[in-house]
Amino acid sequence: MFKSHAKSKGVGASIGKATLGLLSAGVLAFGAAPALAHCDGLDGPVVEAARQALKTEDVSRVLIWVRPQDADEIRATFKQALTVRRLGPEAQALADRNFFETLVRVHRVGENAPYTGLKPAGRDLGPAIPAADKALESGSEGALTQLLTSEVRAELNKQFENVMAKRNFRPDDLAAGREYVEAYVAYVHFVERLYEATHAASGGHYEEHE
């Protein structure tokens, strides 16, 4: 039989708050689908920056959302949008939409992410993204830390207990042995992805993909 590498007393008792806080920084970097990123939403930060840029006629407000090599394309689209907007309300709406779409598409390319069109405002983004934005608005990360720490603790405990429950199998029980291996691999990969996501979060936004 496999021998335990740690005593089963519950993960909550064996992992300190400092460790959980560190791990929680990247938990949803791999747990959520890329589609949940709100940079492609009509109420997201990229489109909001685009609206402000058009209102003030200052393209610099959006250039921070794209890679340096993509700045010329955004400048050209922005200049065209300003010209078309002066033709009337309908032309303005079309120009704005085209600028939003171009900016978000180029931004997504810079993130090495697919562009599937602008998403409607008010869609469900789950708890993490709104909590992240709210933390910035309030100037405090307390609620965000609590959310992520709770999620990490719950999932890590689930994975850990699953492995512990399946580790004591007879050597001749191949089915049970494979169940243990499957649980063990899932557990180790979860821990590994947590660690990697935490450290990847300290890298540059675009340099990471280039």
N, C-alpha and C. Protein backbone atom coordinates (compact mmCIF):
# COMPACT_ATOMS: atom_id res chain seq x y z
N MET A 1 0.84 -1.19 0.00
CA MET A 1 0.00 0.00 0.00
C MET A 1 0.88 1.25 0.00
N PHE A 2 0.29 2.35 -0.46
CA PHE A 2 1.00 3.61 -0.43
C PHE A 2 0.98 4.16 0.98
N LYS A 3 2.06 4.78 1.39
CA LYS A 3 2.15 5.37 2.70
C LYS A 3 1.88 6.87 2.60
N SER A 4 1.31 7.41 3.64
CA SER A 4 0.97 8.83 3.65
C SER A 4 2.22 9.68 3.72
N HIS A 5 2.23 10.81 3.03
CA HIS A 5 3.32 11.77 3.11
C HIS A 5 3.02 12.83 4.17
N ALA A 6 1.79 12.85 4.67
CA ALA A 6 1.40 13.82 5.69
C ALA A 6 0.25 13.23 6.49
N LYS A 7 0.12 13.62 7.75
CA LYS A 7 -0.97 13.14 8.57
C LYS A 7 -2.25 13.85 8.17
N SER A 8 -3.34 13.08 8.12
CA SER A 8 -4.63 13.64 7.70
C SER A 8 -5.31 14.32 8.88
N LYS A 9 -5.07 15.60 9.03
CA LYS A 9 -5.71 16.39 10.09
C LYS A 9 -6.51 17.54 9.50
N GLY A 10 -6.70 17.49 8.16
CA GLY A 10 -7.43 18.59 7.53
C GLY A 10 -6.47 19.65 7.07
N VAL A 11 -6.66 20.09 5.87
CA VAL A 11 -5.75 21.08 5.31
C VAL A 11 -5.84 22.40 6.05
N GLY A 12 -7.05 22.73 6.51
CA GLY A 12 -7.22 24.01 7.18
C GLY A 12 -6.31 24.14 8.39
N ALA A 13 -6.04 23.02 9.08
CA ALA A 13 -5.21 23.07 10.28
C ALA A 13 -3.73 23.06 9.96
N SER A 14 -3.37 22.58 8.79
CA SER A 14 -1.95 22.41 8.48
C SER A 14 -1.39 23.51 7.59
N ILE A 15 -2.25 24.39 7.07
CA ILE A 15 -1.77 25.45 6.19
C ILE A 15 -2.05 26.80 6.83
N GLY A 16 -1.05 27.58 6.99
CA GLY A 16 -1.20 28.88 7.64
C GLY A 16 -1.88 29.90 6.76
N LYS A 17 -2.37 30.96 7.39
CA LYS A 17 -3.05 32.01 6.63
C LYS A 17 -2.13 32.68 5.63
N ALA A 18 -0.86 32.81 5.98
CA ALA A 18 0.07 33.48 5.06
C ALA A 18 0.21 32.69 3.77
N THR A 19 0.30 31.36 3.89
CA THR A 19 0.42 30.52 2.71
C THR A 19 -0.83 30.59 1.86
N LEU A 20 -1.99 30.54 2.49
CA LEU A 20 -3.25 30.62 1.75
C LEU A 20 -3.38 31.96 1.05
N GLY A 21 -2.93 33.01 1.71
CA GLY A 21 -3.00 34.32 1.09
C GLY A 21 -2.14 34.39 -0.16
N LEU A 22 -0.96 33.76 -0.10
CA LEU A 22 -0.07 33.73 -1.25
C LEU A 22 -0.67 32.94 -2.39
N LEU A 23 -1.20 31.75 -2.07
CA LEU A 23 -1.77 30.90 -3.11
C LEU A 23 -3.02 31.50 -3.73
N SER A 24 -3.80 32.20 -2.93
CA SER A 24 -5.07 32.71 -3.43
C SER A 24 -4.90 33.75 -4.50
N ALA A 25 -3.73 34.37 -4.60
CA ALA A 25 -3.51 35.43 -5.59
C ALA A 25 -3.74 34.95 -7.00
N GLY A 26 -3.47 33.65 -7.25
CA GLY A 26 -3.62 33.18 -8.62
C GLY A 26 -4.63 32.08 -8.82
N VAL A 27 -5.51 31.84 -7.85
CA VAL A 27 -6.38 30.67 -7.93
C VAL A 27 -7.29 30.70 -9.13
N LEU A 28 -7.84 31.87 -9.49
CA LEU A 28 -8.79 31.89 -10.59
C LEU A 28 -8.13 32.15 -11.92
N ALA A 29 -6.82 32.26 -11.94
CA ALA A 29 -6.13 32.45 -13.22
C ALA A 29 -6.29 31.23 -14.10
N PHE A 30 -6.49 30.06 -13.47
CA PHE A 30 -6.69 28.84 -14.24
C PHE A 30 -8.03 28.21 -13.98
N GLY A 31 -8.74 28.67 -12.97
CA GLY A 31 -10.02 28.08 -12.62
C GLY A 31 -11.18 28.64 -13.43
N ALA A 32 -11.00 29.80 -14.02
CA ALA A 32 -12.08 30.42 -14.78
C ALA A 32 -11.75 30.39 -16.25
N ALA A 33 -12.76 30.31 -17.06
CA ALA A 33 -12.57 30.31 -18.50
C ALA A 33 -12.18 31.69 -18.98
N PRO A 34 -11.34 31.80 -20.03
CA PRO A 34 -10.93 33.09 -20.54
C PRO A 34 -12.11 33.97 -20.93
N ALA A 35 -13.25 33.39 -21.29
CA ALA A 35 -14.41 34.18 -21.72
C ALA A 35 -14.92 35.07 -20.60
N LEU A 36 -14.56 34.76 -19.35
CA LEU A 36 -15.04 35.56 -18.25
C LEU A 36 -14.27 36.86 -18.09
N ALA A 37 -13.17 37.01 -18.78
CA ALA A 37 -12.43 38.26 -18.72
C ALA A 37 -13.34 39.37 -19.21
N HIS A 38 -13.38 40.50 -18.47
CA HIS A 38 -14.35 41.54 -18.83
C HIS A 38 -13.79 42.62 -19.73
N CYS A 39 -12.60 42.41 -20.28
CA CYS A 39 -12.03 43.42 -21.17
C CYS A 39 -12.79 43.50 -22.49
N ASP A 40 -13.59 42.49 -22.82
CA ASP A 40 -14.35 42.52 -24.08
C ASP A 40 -15.81 42.90 -23.87
N GLY A 41 -16.15 43.37 -22.68
CA GLY A 41 -17.52 43.75 -22.39
C GLY A 41 -17.77 45.23 -22.67
N LEU A 42 -18.99 45.57 -23.03
CA LEU A 42 -19.34 46.97 -23.28
C LEU A 42 -19.29 47.80 -22.00
N ASP A 43 -19.30 47.13 -20.84
CA ASP A 43 -19.14 47.83 -19.58
C ASP A 43 -17.79 47.55 -18.95
N GLY A 44 -16.86 47.03 -19.75
CA GLY A 44 -15.53 46.72 -19.25
C GLY A 44 -14.59 47.91 -19.30
N PRO A 45 -13.41 47.78 -18.73
CA PRO A 45 -12.47 48.90 -18.65
C PRO A 45 -11.91 49.37 -19.99
N VAL A 46 -11.80 48.45 -20.96
CA VAL A 46 -11.25 48.84 -22.26
C VAL A 46 -12.23 49.74 -23.01
N VAL A 47 -13.47 49.34 -23.07
CA VAL A 47 -14.48 50.15 -23.76
C VAL A 47 -14.72 51.46 -23.01
N GLU A 48 -14.67 51.42 -21.69
CA GLU A 48 -14.82 52.65 -20.92
C GLU A 48 -13.69 53.63 -21.24
N ALA A 49 -12.48 53.11 -21.38
CA ALA A 49 -11.35 53.96 -21.77
C ALA A 49 -11.57 54.52 -23.17
N ALA A 50 -12.14 53.71 -24.06
CA ALA A 50 -12.41 54.16 -25.43
C ALA A 50 -13.44 55.29 -25.43
N ARG A 51 -14.47 55.16 -24.61
CA ARG A 51 -15.48 56.22 -24.53
C ARG A 51 -14.87 57.53 -24.04
N GLN A 52 -14.01 57.44 -23.05
CA GLN A 52 -13.36 58.63 -22.53
C GLN A 52 -12.43 59.24 -23.57
N ALA A 53 -11.75 58.39 -24.33
CA ALA A 53 -10.84 58.88 -25.37
C ALA A 53 -11.61 59.64 -26.45
N LEU A 54 -12.75 59.10 -26.86
CA LEU A 54 -13.56 59.77 -27.88
C LEU A 54 -14.15 61.07 -27.35
N LYS A 55 -14.56 61.05 -26.11
CA LYS A 55 -15.16 62.23 -25.50
C LYS A 55 -14.16 63.37 -25.39
N THR A 56 -12.93 63.04 -25.02
CA THR A 56 -11.90 64.07 -24.83
C THR A 56 -11.02 64.25 -26.06
N GLU A 57 -11.22 63.38 -27.05
CA GLU A 57 -10.39 63.37 -28.27
C GLU A 57 -8.91 63.20 -27.92
N ASP A 58 -8.66 62.33 -26.96
CA ASP A 58 -7.30 62.05 -26.49
C ASP A 58 -7.02 60.55 -26.60
N VAL A 59 -6.30 60.17 -27.63
CA VAL A 59 -6.04 58.75 -27.90
C VAL A 59 -5.14 58.10 -26.85
N SER A 60 -4.38 58.90 -26.12
CA SER A 60 -3.47 58.33 -25.12
C SER A 60 -4.21 57.56 -24.04
N ARG A 61 -5.50 57.83 -23.87
CA ARG A 61 -6.28 57.14 -22.85
C ARG A 61 -6.46 55.65 -23.16
N VAL A 62 -6.30 55.26 -24.43
CA VAL A 62 -6.50 53.86 -24.79
C VAL A 62 -5.20 53.15 -25.18
N LEU A 63 -4.16 53.91 -25.46
CA LEU A 63 -2.92 53.28 -25.91
C LEU A 63 -2.30 52.39 -24.84
N ILE A 64 -2.62 52.65 -23.58
CA ILE A 64 -2.07 51.81 -22.51
C ILE A 64 -2.66 50.41 -22.55
N TRP A 65 -3.76 50.22 -23.27
CA TRP A 65 -4.41 48.91 -23.33
C TRP A 65 -3.91 48.05 -24.48
N VAL A 66 -2.95 48.55 -25.27
CA VAL A 66 -2.43 47.77 -26.39
C VAL A 66 -0.92 47.74 -26.35
N ARG A 67 -0.34 46.81 -27.06
CA ARG A 67 1.11 46.71 -27.15
C ARG A 67 1.67 47.88 -27.95
N PRO A 68 2.92 48.28 -27.70
CA PRO A 68 3.52 49.39 -28.44
C PRO A 68 3.45 49.20 -29.95
N GLN A 69 3.65 47.96 -30.43
CA GLN A 69 3.63 47.71 -31.86
C GLN A 69 2.24 47.83 -32.48
N ASP A 70 1.21 47.89 -31.65
CA ASP A 70 -0.16 48.01 -32.15
C ASP A 70 -0.70 49.44 -32.05
N ALA A 71 0.11 50.35 -31.51
CA ALA A 71 -0.35 51.71 -31.26
C ALA A 71 -0.75 52.44 -32.55
N ASP A 72 0.00 52.24 -33.63
CA ASP A 72 -0.30 52.96 -34.88
C ASP A 72 -1.67 52.57 -35.43
N GLU A 73 -2.02 51.30 -35.34
CA GLU A 73 -3.33 50.87 -35.81
C GLU A 73 -4.45 51.54 -35.01
N ILE A 74 -4.25 51.65 -33.71
CA ILE A 74 -5.26 52.28 -32.86
C ILE A 74 -5.34 53.78 -33.14
N ARG A 75 -4.20 54.41 -33.33
CA ARG A 75 -4.21 55.85 -33.65
C ARG A 75 -4.97 56.11 -34.95
N ALA A 76 -4.74 55.27 -35.96
CA ALA A 76 -5.40 55.45 -37.26
C ALA A 76 -6.91 55.25 -37.13
N THR A 77 -7.32 54.22 -36.41
CA THR A 77 -8.75 53.96 -36.22
C THR A 77 -9.40 55.06 -35.40
N PHE A 78 -8.68 55.56 -34.43
CA PHE A 78 -9.19 56.65 -33.60
C PHE A 78 -9.39 57.91 -34.42
N LYS A 79 -8.41 58.24 -35.23
CA LYS A 79 -8.51 59.43 -36.08
C LYS A 79 -9.70 59.32 -37.03
N GLN A 80 -9.88 58.14 -37.61
CA GLN A 80 -11.00 57.91 -38.51
C GLN A 80 -12.33 58.04 -37.76
N ALA A 81 -12.38 57.52 -36.55
CA ALA A 81 -13.61 57.60 -35.76
C ALA A 81 -13.98 59.04 -35.45
N LEU A 82 -13.01 59.87 -35.12
CA LEU A 82 -13.28 61.27 -34.82
C LEU A 82 -13.86 61.99 -36.04
N THR A 83 -13.35 61.65 -37.21
CA THR A 83 -13.84 62.27 -38.45
C THR A 83 -15.28 61.84 -38.75
N VAL A 84 -15.54 60.55 -38.65
CA VAL A 84 -16.87 60.02 -38.99
C VAL A 84 -17.91 60.48 -37.98
N ARG A 85 -17.54 60.61 -36.72
CA ARG A 85 -18.49 60.99 -35.67
C ARG A 85 -19.15 62.34 -35.95
N ARG A 86 -18.48 63.19 -36.67
CA ARG A 86 -19.00 64.54 -36.93
C ARG A 86 -20.09 64.56 -38.00
N LEU A 87 -20.35 63.41 -38.61
CA LEU A 87 -21.33 63.35 -39.70
C LEU A 87 -22.76 63.20 -39.20
N GLY A 88 -22.95 62.98 -37.93
CA GLY A 88 -24.30 62.84 -37.40
C GLY A 88 -24.40 61.72 -36.38
N PRO A 89 -25.56 61.64 -35.71
CA PRO A 89 -25.76 60.65 -34.64
C PRO A 89 -25.56 59.20 -35.09
N GLU A 90 -26.13 58.83 -36.25
CA GLU A 90 -25.99 57.46 -36.72
C GLU A 90 -24.53 57.14 -37.08
N ALA A 91 -23.89 58.09 -37.73
CA ALA A 91 -22.48 57.89 -38.08
C ALA A 91 -21.63 57.79 -36.81
N GLN A 92 -21.98 58.59 -35.82
CA GLN A 92 -21.23 58.55 -34.55
C GLN A 92 -21.35 57.19 -33.89
N ALA A 93 -22.57 56.63 -33.87
CA ALA A 93 -22.77 55.32 -33.26
C ALA A 93 -21.97 54.25 -33.98
N LEU A 94 -21.95 54.30 -35.30
CA LEU A 94 -21.19 53.32 -36.08
C LEU A 94 -19.69 53.49 -35.86
N ALA A 95 -19.24 54.74 -35.83
CA ALA A 95 -17.81 55.00 -35.63
C ALA A 95 -17.36 54.53 -34.25
N ASP A 96 -18.18 54.81 -33.26
CA ASP A 96 -17.84 54.39 -31.89
C ASP A 96 -17.75 52.87 -31.80
N ARG A 97 -18.74 52.20 -32.36
CA ARG A 97 -18.77 50.73 -32.31
C ARG A 97 -17.55 50.15 -33.00
N ASN A 98 -17.19 50.68 -34.14
CA ASN A 98 -16.02 50.18 -34.87
C ASN A 98 -14.74 50.40 -34.06
N PHE A 99 -14.65 51.55 -33.41
CA PHE A 99 -13.47 51.83 -32.60
C PHE A 99 -13.41 50.90 -31.39
N PHE A 100 -14.54 50.68 -30.74
CA PHE A 100 -14.58 49.75 -29.60
C PHE A 100 -14.11 48.36 -30.03
N GLU A 101 -14.66 47.89 -31.14
CA GLU A 101 -14.34 46.55 -31.61
C GLU A 101 -12.86 46.41 -31.98
N THR A 102 -12.34 47.41 -32.65
CA THR A 102 -10.92 47.37 -33.04
C THR A 102 -10.02 47.38 -31.82
N LEU A 103 -10.31 48.26 -30.88
CA LEU A 103 -9.49 48.37 -29.68
C LEU A 103 -9.51 47.08 -28.87
N VAL A 104 -10.69 46.51 -28.66
CA VAL A 104 -10.80 45.28 -27.87
C VAL A 104 -10.12 44.12 -28.59
N ARG A 105 -10.30 44.04 -29.91
CA ARG A 105 -9.67 42.96 -30.68
C ARG A 105 -8.15 43.04 -30.56
N VAL A 106 -7.60 44.23 -30.73
CA VAL A 106 -6.14 44.40 -30.65
C VAL A 106 -5.64 44.13 -29.24
N HIS A 107 -6.41 44.57 -28.26
CA HIS A 107 -6.05 44.30 -26.87
C HIS A 107 -6.01 42.80 -26.59
N ARG A 108 -7.02 42.09 -27.09
CA ARG A 108 -7.08 40.64 -26.88
C ARG A 108 -5.91 39.93 -27.56
N VAL A 109 -5.54 40.40 -28.73
CA VAL A 109 -4.38 39.82 -29.42
C VAL A 109 -3.14 39.99 -28.55
N GLY A 110 -3.01 41.15 -27.93
CA GLY A 110 -1.88 41.40 -27.05
C GLY A 110 -1.85 40.49 -25.85
N GLU A 111 -3.02 40.01 -25.44
CA GLU A 111 -3.12 39.06 -24.32
C GLU A 111 -3.00 37.61 -24.79
N ASN A 112 -2.82 37.44 -26.09
CA ASN A 112 -2.79 36.10 -26.68
C ASN A 112 -4.10 35.38 -26.42
N ALA A 113 -5.19 36.14 -26.53
CA ALA A 113 -6.53 35.60 -26.28
C ALA A 113 -7.40 35.81 -27.52
N PRO A 114 -8.36 34.93 -27.75
CA PRO A 114 -9.23 35.07 -28.93
C PRO A 114 -10.21 36.23 -28.77
N TYR A 115 -10.55 36.83 -29.89
CA TYR A 115 -11.58 37.87 -29.88
C TYR A 115 -12.84 37.30 -30.50
N THR A 116 -13.92 37.33 -29.74
CA THR A 116 -15.19 36.76 -30.21
C THR A 116 -16.29 37.80 -30.23
N GLY A 117 -15.91 39.06 -30.35
CA GLY A 117 -16.88 40.13 -30.42
C GLY A 117 -17.11 40.80 -29.07
N LEU A 118 -17.73 41.97 -29.12
CA LEU A 118 -18.06 42.68 -27.89
C LEU A 118 -19.18 41.98 -27.15
N LYS A 119 -19.06 41.91 -25.86
CA LYS A 119 -20.07 41.25 -25.03
C LYS A 119 -20.99 42.30 -24.38
N PRO A 120 -22.25 41.95 -24.16
CA PRO A 120 -23.19 42.92 -23.59
C PRO A 120 -22.84 43.31 -22.17
N ALA A 121 -23.29 44.49 -21.80
CA ALA A 121 -23.07 44.96 -20.44
C ALA A 121 -23.97 44.19 -19.48
N GLY A 122 -23.51 44.06 -18.25
CA GLY A 122 -24.33 43.44 -17.22
C GLY A 122 -24.28 41.93 -17.17
N ARG A 123 -23.41 41.28 -17.95
CA ARG A 123 -23.36 39.82 -17.92
C ARG A 123 -22.75 39.33 -16.61
N ASP A 124 -23.02 38.09 -16.29
CA ASP A 124 -22.52 37.49 -15.07
C ASP A 124 -21.04 37.14 -15.23
N LEU A 125 -20.20 37.78 -14.45
CA LEU A 125 -18.76 37.54 -14.51
C LEU A 125 -18.28 36.67 -13.36
N GLY A 126 -19.21 36.16 -12.56
CA GLY A 126 -18.80 35.38 -11.40
C GLY A 126 -18.37 36.31 -10.28
N PRO A 127 -17.93 35.77 -9.17
CA PRO A 127 -17.59 36.61 -8.02
C PRO A 127 -16.21 37.26 -8.05
N ALA A 128 -15.25 36.66 -8.74
CA ALA A 128 -13.86 37.12 -8.61
C ALA A 128 -13.60 38.46 -9.27
N ILE A 129 -14.00 38.62 -10.53
CA ILE A 129 -13.71 39.85 -11.26
C ILE A 129 -14.37 41.07 -10.62
N PRO A 130 -15.68 41.01 -10.30
CA PRO A 130 -16.27 42.16 -9.60
C PRO A 130 -15.58 42.46 -8.28
N ALA A 131 -15.18 41.41 -7.56
CA ALA A 131 -14.51 41.62 -6.27
C ALA A 131 -13.16 42.29 -6.47
N ALA A 132 -12.46 41.92 -7.55
CA ALA A 132 -11.17 42.54 -7.83
C ALA A 132 -11.33 44.02 -8.14
N ASP A 133 -12.32 44.36 -8.95
CA ASP A 133 -12.56 45.77 -9.27
C ASP A 133 -13.03 46.55 -8.05
N LYS A 134 -13.90 45.93 -7.24
CA LYS A 134 -14.42 46.60 -6.06
C LYS A 134 -13.29 46.88 -5.06
N ALA A 135 -12.32 45.98 -4.99
CA ALA A 135 -11.19 46.20 -4.09
C ALA A 135 -10.40 47.44 -4.50
N LEU A 136 -10.23 47.62 -5.80
CA LEU A 136 -9.52 48.80 -6.28
C LEU A 136 -10.32 50.07 -6.02
N GLU A 137 -11.63 49.99 -6.21
CA GLU A 137 -12.48 51.16 -5.99
C GLU A 137 -12.49 51.58 -4.52
N SER A 138 -12.50 50.60 -3.63
CA SER A 138 -12.57 50.89 -2.20
C SER A 138 -11.19 51.16 -1.60
N GLY A 139 -10.15 50.72 -2.29
CA GLY A 139 -8.80 50.90 -1.77
C GLY A 139 -8.43 49.86 -0.73
N SER A 140 -9.22 48.80 -0.63
CA SER A 140 -8.94 47.75 0.34
C SER A 140 -9.14 46.38 -0.30
N GLU A 141 -8.19 45.48 -0.07
CA GLU A 141 -8.28 44.13 -0.65
C GLU A 141 -8.81 43.11 0.35
N GLY A 142 -9.31 43.56 1.47
CA GLY A 142 -9.75 42.64 2.52
C GLY A 142 -10.80 41.65 2.07
N ALA A 143 -11.87 42.14 1.45
CA ALA A 143 -12.95 41.24 1.02
C ALA A 143 -12.47 40.32 -0.09
N LEU A 144 -11.64 40.82 -0.98
CA LEU A 144 -11.10 40.01 -2.07
C LEU A 144 -10.22 38.89 -1.53
N THR A 145 -9.36 39.23 -0.58
CA THR A 145 -8.50 38.22 0.04
C THR A 145 -9.33 37.14 0.72
N GLN A 146 -10.39 37.56 1.41
CA GLN A 146 -11.25 36.60 2.09
C GLN A 146 -11.92 35.66 1.09
N LEU A 147 -12.40 36.21 -0.03
CA LEU A 147 -13.05 35.40 -1.06
C LEU A 147 -12.09 34.36 -1.62
N LEU A 148 -10.92 34.81 -2.04
CA LEU A 148 -9.96 33.90 -2.67
C LEU A 148 -9.41 32.88 -1.69
N THR A 149 -9.12 33.33 -0.48
CA THR A 149 -8.61 32.40 0.53
C THR A 149 -9.62 31.30 0.82
N SER A 150 -10.88 31.68 0.90
CA SER A 150 -11.93 30.70 1.16
C SER A 150 -12.02 29.68 0.03
N GLU A 151 -11.93 30.17 -1.22
CA GLU A 151 -12.01 29.27 -2.37
C GLU A 151 -10.81 28.33 -2.41
N VAL A 152 -9.63 28.85 -2.14
CA VAL A 152 -8.42 28.02 -2.15
C VAL A 152 -8.50 26.96 -1.07
N ARG A 153 -8.87 27.38 0.13
CA ARG A 153 -8.93 26.43 1.24
C ARG A 153 -9.92 25.31 0.94
N ALA A 154 -11.10 25.66 0.42
CA ALA A 154 -12.13 24.66 0.16
C ALA A 154 -11.70 23.66 -0.91
N GLU A 155 -11.15 24.16 -2.01
CA GLU A 155 -10.76 23.26 -3.10
C GLU A 155 -9.54 22.42 -2.73
N LEU A 156 -8.58 23.03 -2.05
CA LEU A 156 -7.38 22.29 -1.65
C LEU A 156 -7.74 21.20 -0.65
N ASN A 157 -8.62 21.51 0.28
CA ASN A 157 -9.06 20.51 1.24
C ASN A 157 -9.79 19.36 0.53
N LYS A 158 -10.62 19.70 -0.45
CA LYS A 158 -11.36 18.69 -1.22
C LYS A 158 -10.39 17.75 -1.95
N GLN A 159 -9.41 18.33 -2.61
CA GLN A 159 -8.44 17.52 -3.35
C GLN A 159 -7.61 16.65 -2.40
N PHE A 160 -7.18 17.24 -1.31
CA PHE A 160 -6.35 16.53 -0.34
C PHE A 160 -7.10 15.34 0.27
N GLU A 161 -8.32 15.58 0.71
CA GLU A 161 -9.11 14.52 1.34
C GLU A 161 -9.46 13.42 0.34
N ASN A 162 -9.63 13.79 -0.92
CA ASN A 162 -9.93 12.80 -1.95
C ASN A 162 -8.76 11.83 -2.13
N VAL A 163 -7.55 12.38 -2.12
CA VAL A 163 -6.36 11.51 -2.23
C VAL A 163 -6.22 10.64 -1.00
N MET A 164 -6.38 11.23 0.17
CA MET A 164 -6.23 10.47 1.41
C MET A 164 -7.24 9.33 1.51
N ALA A 165 -8.43 9.54 1.00
CA ALA A 165 -9.48 8.53 1.08
C ALA A 165 -9.21 7.35 0.15
N LYS A 166 -8.37 7.55 -0.86
CA LYS A 166 -8.14 6.50 -1.85
C LYS A 166 -6.76 5.87 -1.79
N ARG A 167 -5.95 6.29 -0.86
CA ARG A 167 -4.55 5.85 -0.84
C ARG A 167 -4.34 4.45 -0.27
N ASN A 168 -5.24 4.00 0.56
CA ASN A 168 -5.08 2.68 1.19
C ASN A 168 -5.82 1.61 0.39
N PHE A 169 -5.18 1.12 -0.64
CA PHE A 169 -5.80 0.09 -1.48
C PHE A 169 -4.89 -1.14 -1.53
N ARG A 170 -5.46 -2.26 -1.82
CA ARG A 170 -4.68 -3.49 -1.92
C ARG A 170 -3.80 -3.45 -3.18
N PRO A 171 -2.59 -3.95 -3.09
CA PRO A 171 -1.70 -3.94 -4.25
C PRO A 171 -2.27 -4.66 -5.46
N ASP A 172 -3.14 -5.65 -5.24
CA ASP A 172 -3.70 -6.39 -6.36
C ASP A 172 -4.99 -5.79 -6.90
N ASP A 173 -5.45 -4.66 -6.30
CA ASP A 173 -6.67 -3.99 -6.75
C ASP A 173 -6.29 -2.86 -7.71
N LEU A 174 -6.17 -3.23 -8.98
CA LEU A 174 -5.72 -2.25 -9.97
C LEU A 174 -6.71 -1.11 -10.16
N ALA A 175 -8.00 -1.42 -10.11
CA ALA A 175 -9.01 -0.38 -10.29
C ALA A 175 -8.90 0.68 -9.20
N ALA A 176 -8.76 0.22 -7.96
CA ALA A 176 -8.62 1.16 -6.84
C ALA A 176 -7.31 1.92 -6.93
N GLY A 177 -6.26 1.22 -7.37
CA GLY A 177 -4.96 1.87 -7.52
C GLY A 177 -5.00 2.98 -8.55
N ARG A 178 -5.70 2.74 -9.65
CA ARG A 178 -5.80 3.77 -10.69
C ARG A 178 -6.64 4.96 -10.22
N GLU A 179 -7.64 4.67 -9.40
CA GLU A 179 -8.44 5.77 -8.83
C GLU A 179 -7.57 6.65 -7.94
N TYR A 180 -6.67 6.00 -7.19
CA TYR A 180 -5.74 6.76 -6.35
C TYR A 180 -4.82 7.62 -7.21
N VAL A 181 -4.28 7.03 -8.24
CA VAL A 181 -3.36 7.78 -9.12
C VAL A 181 -4.06 8.97 -9.75
N GLU A 182 -5.28 8.75 -10.20
CA GLU A 182 -6.05 9.85 -10.82
C GLU A 182 -6.27 10.99 -9.82
N ALA A 183 -6.62 10.64 -8.59
CA ALA A 183 -6.84 11.64 -7.56
C ALA A 183 -5.54 12.34 -7.19
N TYR A 184 -4.45 11.55 -7.12
CA TYR A 184 -3.15 12.12 -6.76
C TYR A 184 -2.65 13.10 -7.82
N VAL A 185 -2.78 12.72 -9.08
CA VAL A 185 -2.34 13.60 -10.17
C VAL A 185 -3.14 14.90 -10.18
N ALA A 186 -4.45 14.80 -10.00
CA ALA A 186 -5.29 15.99 -9.97
C ALA A 186 -4.89 16.91 -8.82
N TYR A 187 -4.59 16.31 -7.68
CA TYR A 187 -4.19 17.08 -6.49
C TYR A 187 -2.86 17.80 -6.72
N VAL A 188 -1.88 17.09 -7.21
CA VAL A 188 -0.56 17.69 -7.43
C VAL A 188 -0.62 18.78 -8.50
N HIS A 189 -1.37 18.53 -9.56
CA HIS A 189 -1.50 19.54 -10.62
C HIS A 189 -2.21 20.79 -10.10
N PHE A 190 -3.18 20.61 -9.23
CA PHE A 190 -3.87 21.75 -8.63
C PHE A 190 -2.89 22.61 -7.85
N VAL A 191 -2.10 21.97 -7.00
CA VAL A 191 -1.11 22.68 -6.21
C VAL A 191 -0.08 23.36 -7.11
N GLU A 192 0.36 22.65 -8.13
CA GLU A 192 1.35 23.21 -9.05
C GLU A 192 0.82 24.43 -9.77
N ARG A 193 -0.43 24.36 -10.24
CA ARG A 193 -1.01 25.48 -10.97
C ARG A 193 -1.21 26.68 -10.05
N LEU A 194 -1.56 26.43 -8.81
CA LEU A 194 -1.67 27.51 -7.83
C LEU A 194 -0.34 28.24 -7.69
N TYR A 195 0.70 27.46 -7.51
CA TYR A 195 2.04 28.05 -7.32
C TYR A 195 2.48 28.82 -8.56
N GLU A 196 2.30 28.22 -9.73
CA GLU A 196 2.72 28.87 -10.97
C GLU A 196 1.90 30.13 -11.25
N ALA A 197 0.59 30.07 -11.00
CA ALA A 197 -0.27 31.22 -11.24
C ALA A 197 0.11 32.37 -10.32
N THR A 198 0.45 32.05 -9.08
CA THR A 198 0.85 33.08 -8.13
C THR A 198 2.10 33.80 -8.59
N HIS A 199 3.07 33.06 -9.08
CA HIS A 199 4.32 33.67 -9.51
C HIS A 199 4.19 34.33 -10.88
N ALA A 200 3.35 33.79 -11.74
CA ALA A 200 3.15 34.40 -13.05
C ALA A 200 2.47 35.75 -12.93
N ALA A 201 1.70 35.95 -11.86
CA ALA A 201 0.98 37.21 -11.68
C ALA A 201 1.91 38.39 -11.50
N SER A 202 3.17 38.14 -11.15
CA SER A 202 4.12 39.23 -10.94
C SER A 202 4.81 39.66 -12.22
N GLY A 203 4.57 38.95 -13.32
CA GLY A 203 5.21 39.27 -14.59
C GLY A 203 4.49 40.38 -15.31
N GLY A 204 5.08 40.86 -16.43
CA GLY A 204 4.48 41.92 -17.23
C GLY A 204 3.24 41.43 -17.95
N HIS A 205 2.34 42.37 -18.27
CA HIS A 205 1.07 42.00 -18.89
C HIS A 205 1.28 41.47 -20.30
N TYR A 206 2.09 42.14 -21.09
CA TYR A 206 2.30 41.72 -22.47
C TYR A 206 3.57 40.90 -22.63
N GLU A 207 4.61 41.22 -21.84
CA GLU A 207 5.87 40.50 -22.00
C GLU A 207 5.71 39.01 -21.79
N GLU A 208 4.76 38.63 -20.98
CA GLU A 208 4.53 37.22 -20.65
C GLU A 208 4.17 36.42 -21.89
N HIS A 209 3.53 37.08 -22.89
CA HIS A 209 3.04 36.36 -24.05
C HIS A 209 3.93 36.55 -25.27
N GLU A 210 4.93 37.41 -25.18
CA GLU A 210 5.73 37.72 -26.34
C GLU A 210 6.98 36.84 -26.40
